[in-house]
Amino acid sequence: MDVRYQGITAATHGLPVISKIVTRGDMVYLCGVTGDPVGNVRDQTRQVLERIDRLLAAAGSDKSKLLSAQVWLADMADFDAHNVVWNDWVDPAHPPVRACVGATLWQEGLRVEIMVTAARDAS
């Protein structure tokens, strides 16, 4: 099966070269997605999930096909506020498996980072 790499980033300002999306057959892998480093965890979670929606669409998938999610929070005290936004967004009939841990995120001001894996109809 062919592997497709989309949204490859340039090595600028000390950032790594990565793909935003990697697909292989009927699988979609997204990079860790963050929002802008401003606002509270609810605002940032909404922005991250909107970006995930766009990336999944670019890969031929959507949130109803999520398989797994990893969530990193800068402060675990934000867990409940983050989950309010997550629960409004996630497809309740097809929720992915998920882990959520506290972490030091790569940029000051970031409150949340999310990485997902999804299925899709292979083309």
C-alpha atoms as a PDB file:
ATOM      1  CA  MET A   1       0.000   0.000   0.000  1.00  0.00           C
ATOM      2  CA  ASP A   2       1.134   3.497  -0.750  1.00  0.00           C
ATOM      3  CA  VAL A   3       1.859   5.934   2.040  1.00  0.00           C
ATOM      4  CA  ARG A   4       0.875   9.553   1.422  1.00  0.00           C
ATOM      5  CA  TYR A   5       2.387  12.487   3.302  1.00  0.00           C
ATOM      6  CA  GLN A   6       0.448  15.778   3.359  1.00  0.00           C
ATOM      7  CA  GLY A   7       1.279  19.180   4.778  1.00  0.00           C
ATOM      8  CA  ILE A   8       5.000  18.628   5.225  1.00  0.00           C
ATOM      9  CA  THR A   9       6.433  21.480   7.274  1.00  0.00           C
ATOM     10  CA  ALA A  10       9.724  23.276   6.726  1.00  0.00           C
ATOM     11  CA  ALA A  11      12.472  23.299   9.352  1.00  0.00           C
ATOM     12  CA  THR A  12      12.103  26.930  10.403  1.00  0.00           C
ATOM     13  CA  HIS A  13      12.602  28.640  13.754  1.00  0.00           C
ATOM     14  CA  GLY A  14      13.852  25.426  15.332  1.00  0.00           C
ATOM     15  CA  LEU A  15      10.678  23.484  14.523  1.00  0.00           C
ATOM     16  CA  PRO A  16      10.846  19.893  13.244  1.00  0.00           C
ATOM     17  CA  VAL A  17      10.101  18.688   9.729  1.00  0.00           C
ATOM     18  CA  ILE A  18       6.836  16.732  10.056  1.00  0.00           C
ATOM     19  CA  SER A  19       3.759  15.778   8.084  1.00  0.00           C
ATOM     20  CA  LYS A  20       0.443  17.124   9.293  1.00  0.00           C
ATOM     21  CA  ILE A  21      -1.294  14.071   7.805  1.00  0.00           C
ATOM     22  CA  VAL A  22      -0.036  10.604   6.886  1.00  0.00           C
ATOM     23  CA  THR A  23      -2.383   8.128   5.215  1.00  0.00           C
ATOM     24  CA  ARG A  24      -1.861   4.479   4.371  1.00  0.00           C
ATOM     25  CA  GLY A  25      -4.736   2.499   2.946  1.00  0.00           C
ATOM     26  CA  ASP A  26      -7.761   3.125   5.119  1.00  0.00           C
ATOM     27  CA  MET A  27      -5.798   4.689   8.002  1.00  0.00           C
ATOM     28  CA  VAL A  28      -5.295   8.396   8.774  1.00  0.00           C
ATOM     29  CA  TYR A  29      -2.691   9.650  11.234  1.00  0.00           C
ATOM     30  CA  LEU A  30      -2.626  13.301  12.271  1.00  0.00           C
ATOM     31  CA  CYS A  31       0.219  15.164  13.933  1.00  0.00           C
ATOM     32  CA  GLY A  32      -0.296  16.702  17.339  1.00  0.00           C
ATOM     33  CA  VAL A  33      -2.583  19.684  16.759  1.00  0.00           C
ATOM     34  CA  THR A  34      -2.462  22.863  18.820  1.00  0.00           C
ATOM     35  CA  GLY A  35      -4.303  26.154  18.644  1.00  0.00           C
ATOM     36  CA  ASP A  36      -3.022  29.658  19.050  1.00  0.00           C
ATOM     37  CA  PRO A  37      -1.289  30.155  22.420  1.00  0.00           C
ATOM     38  CA  VAL A  38      -3.902  32.587  23.716  1.00  0.00           C
ATOM     39  CA  GLY A  39      -7.189  32.181  25.554  1.00  0.00           C
ATOM     40  CA  ASN A  40      -8.382  29.540  27.951  1.00  0.00           C
ATOM     41  CA  VAL A  41      -8.474  25.778  27.493  1.00  0.00           C
ATOM     42  CA  ARG A  42     -12.052  25.865  26.146  1.00  0.00           C
ATOM     43  CA  ASP A  43     -11.144  28.375  23.430  1.00  0.00           C
ATOM     44  CA  GLN A  44      -7.997  26.465  22.502  1.00  0.00           C
ATOM     45  CA  THR A  45      -9.793  23.092  22.514  1.00  0.00           C
ATOM     46  CA  ARG A  46     -12.451  24.463  20.138  1.00  0.00           C
ATOM     47  CA  GLN A  47      -9.742  25.751  17.812  1.00  0.00           C
ATOM     48  CA  VAL A  48      -7.816  22.466  17.922  1.00  0.00           C
ATOM     49  CA  LEU A  49     -10.945  20.442  17.149  1.00  0.00           C
ATOM     50  CA  GLU A  50     -11.825  22.743  14.224  1.00  0.00           C
ATOM     51  CA  ARG A  51      -8.317  22.176  12.860  1.00  0.00           C
ATOM     52  CA  ILE A  52      -8.669  18.421  13.337  1.00  0.00           C
ATOM     53  CA  ASP A  53     -11.967  18.528  11.408  1.00  0.00           C
ATOM     54  CA  ARG A  54     -10.206  20.279   8.494  1.00  0.00           C
ATOM     55  CA  LEU A  55      -7.241  17.884   8.513  1.00  0.00           C
ATOM     56  CA  LEU A  56      -9.506  14.826   8.630  1.00  0.00           C
ATOM     57  CA  ALA A  57     -11.553  16.197   5.718  1.00  0.00           C
ATOM     58  CA  ALA A  58      -8.351  16.751   3.708  1.00  0.00           C
ATOM     59  CA  ALA A  59      -7.521  13.086   4.319  1.00  0.00           C
ATOM     60  CA  GLY A  60     -10.990  11.838   3.330  1.00  0.00           C
ATOM     61  CA  SER A  61     -12.227  11.157   6.854  1.00  0.00           C
ATOM     62  CA  ASP A  62     -14.189  12.788   9.665  1.00  0.00           C
ATOM     63  CA  LYS A  63     -14.674  12.599  13.422  1.00  0.00           C
ATOM     64  CA  SER A  64     -17.188   9.737  13.106  1.00  0.00           C
ATOM     65  CA  LYS A  65     -14.263   7.550  12.025  1.00  0.00           C
ATOM     66  CA  LEU A  66     -11.908   8.388  14.903  1.00  0.00           C
ATOM     67  CA  LEU A  67     -10.165   5.369  16.385  1.00  0.00           C
ATOM     68  CA  SER A  68      -7.910   6.895  19.014  1.00  0.00           C
ATOM     69  CA  ALA A  69      -6.995  10.248  20.533  1.00  0.00           C
ATOM     70  CA  GLN A  70      -4.184  11.399  22.754  1.00  0.00           C
ATOM     71  CA  VAL A  71      -4.731  14.631  24.652  1.00  0.00           C
ATOM     72  CA  TRP A  72      -2.030  16.594  26.422  1.00  0.00           C
ATOM     73  CA  LEU A  73      -3.079  19.339  28.846  1.00  0.00           C
ATOM     74  CA  ALA A  74      -0.668  21.921  30.209  1.00  0.00           C
ATOM     75  CA  ASP A  75      -2.618  21.834  33.467  1.00  0.00           C
ATOM     76  CA  MET A  76      -4.730  18.861  34.545  1.00  0.00           C
ATOM     77  CA  ALA A  77      -6.930  21.330  36.442  1.00  0.00           C
ATOM     78  CA  ASP A  78      -8.304  22.119  32.942  1.00  0.00           C
ATOM     79  CA  PHE A  79      -9.541  18.527  32.472  1.00  0.00           C
ATOM     80  CA  ASP A  80     -13.224  19.246  33.158  1.00  0.00           C
ATOM     81  CA  ALA A  81     -13.329  22.438  31.056  1.00  0.00           C
ATOM     82  CA  HIS A  82     -11.586  20.660  28.174  1.00  0.00           C
ATOM     83  CA  ASN A  83     -14.033  17.737  28.365  1.00  0.00           C
ATOM     84  CA  VAL A  84     -17.055  20.050  28.069  1.00  0.00           C
ATOM     85  CA  VAL A  85     -15.828  21.140  24.622  1.00  0.00           C
ATOM     86  CA  TRP A  86     -14.636  17.635  23.662  1.00  0.00           C
ATOM     87  CA  ASN A  87     -17.993  16.073  24.594  1.00  0.00           C
ATOM     88  CA  ASP A  88     -19.900  18.648  22.522  1.00  0.00           C
ATOM     89  CA  TRP A  89     -17.675  17.855  19.509  1.00  0.00           C
ATOM     90  CA  VAL A  90     -17.094  14.100  19.564  1.00  0.00           C
ATOM     91  CA  ASP A  91     -19.510  11.788  17.725  1.00  0.00           C
ATOM     92  CA  PRO A  92     -21.313  10.138  20.673  1.00  0.00           C
ATOM     93  CA  ALA A  93     -22.153   7.061  18.592  1.00  0.00           C
ATOM     94  CA  HIS A  94     -18.489   6.571  17.583  1.00  0.00           C
ATOM     95  CA  PRO A  95     -16.221   7.886  20.344  1.00  0.00           C
ATOM     96  CA  PRO A  96     -12.550   6.951  20.028  1.00  0.00           C
ATOM     97  CA  VAL A  97     -10.402   5.412  22.710  1.00  0.00           C
ATOM     98  CA  ARG A  98      -8.601   8.260  24.439  1.00  0.00           C
ATOM     99  CA  ALA A  99      -5.821   9.090  26.854  1.00  0.00           C
ATOM    100  CA  CYS A 100      -5.346  12.463  28.536  1.00  0.00           C
ATOM    101  CA  VAL A 101      -2.201  13.408  30.417  1.00  0.00           C
ATOM    102  CA  GLY A 102      -0.573  16.498  31.830  1.00  0.00           C
ATOM    103  CA  ALA A 103       2.437  17.740  29.881  1.00  0.00           C
ATOM    104  CA  THR A 104       4.752  20.642  29.255  1.00  0.00           C
ATOM    105  CA  LEU A 105       3.692  21.785  25.789  1.00  0.00           C
ATOM    106  CA  TRP A 106       6.117  23.117  23.195  1.00  0.00           C
ATOM    107  CA  GLN A 107       5.060  26.774  23.248  1.00  0.00           C
ATOM    108  CA  GLU A 108       4.260  29.020  26.187  1.00  0.00           C
ATOM    109  CA  GLY A 109       0.565  29.789  26.423  1.00  0.00           C
ATOM    110  CA  LEU A 110      -0.586  26.503  24.877  1.00  0.00           C
ATOM    111  CA  ARG A 111      -3.161  24.762  27.044  1.00  0.00           C
ATOM    112  CA  VAL A 112      -3.941  21.657  24.927  1.00  0.00           C
ATOM    113  CA  GLU A 113      -2.549  19.460  22.144  1.00  0.00           C
ATOM    114  CA  ILE A 114      -4.480  16.600  20.529  1.00  0.00           C
ATOM    115  CA  MET A 115      -3.303  13.827  18.188  1.00  0.00           C
ATOM    116  CA  VAL A 116      -5.786  11.454  16.521  1.00  0.00           C
ATOM    117  CA  THR A 117      -5.866   8.359  14.363  1.00  0.00           C
ATOM    118  CA  ALA A 118      -8.892   7.674  12.166  1.00  0.00           C
ATOM    119  CA  ALA A 119     -10.183   5.310   9.515  1.00  0.00           C
ATOM    120  CA  ARG A 120     -11.291   6.311   6.032  1.00  0.00           C
ATOM    121  CA  ASP A 121     -12.546   4.745   2.849  1.00  0.00           C
ATOM    122  CA  ALA A 122      -9.348   3.926   0.950  1.00  0.00           C
ATOM    123  CA  SER A 123      -9.229   5.364  -2.547  1.00  0.00           C
END
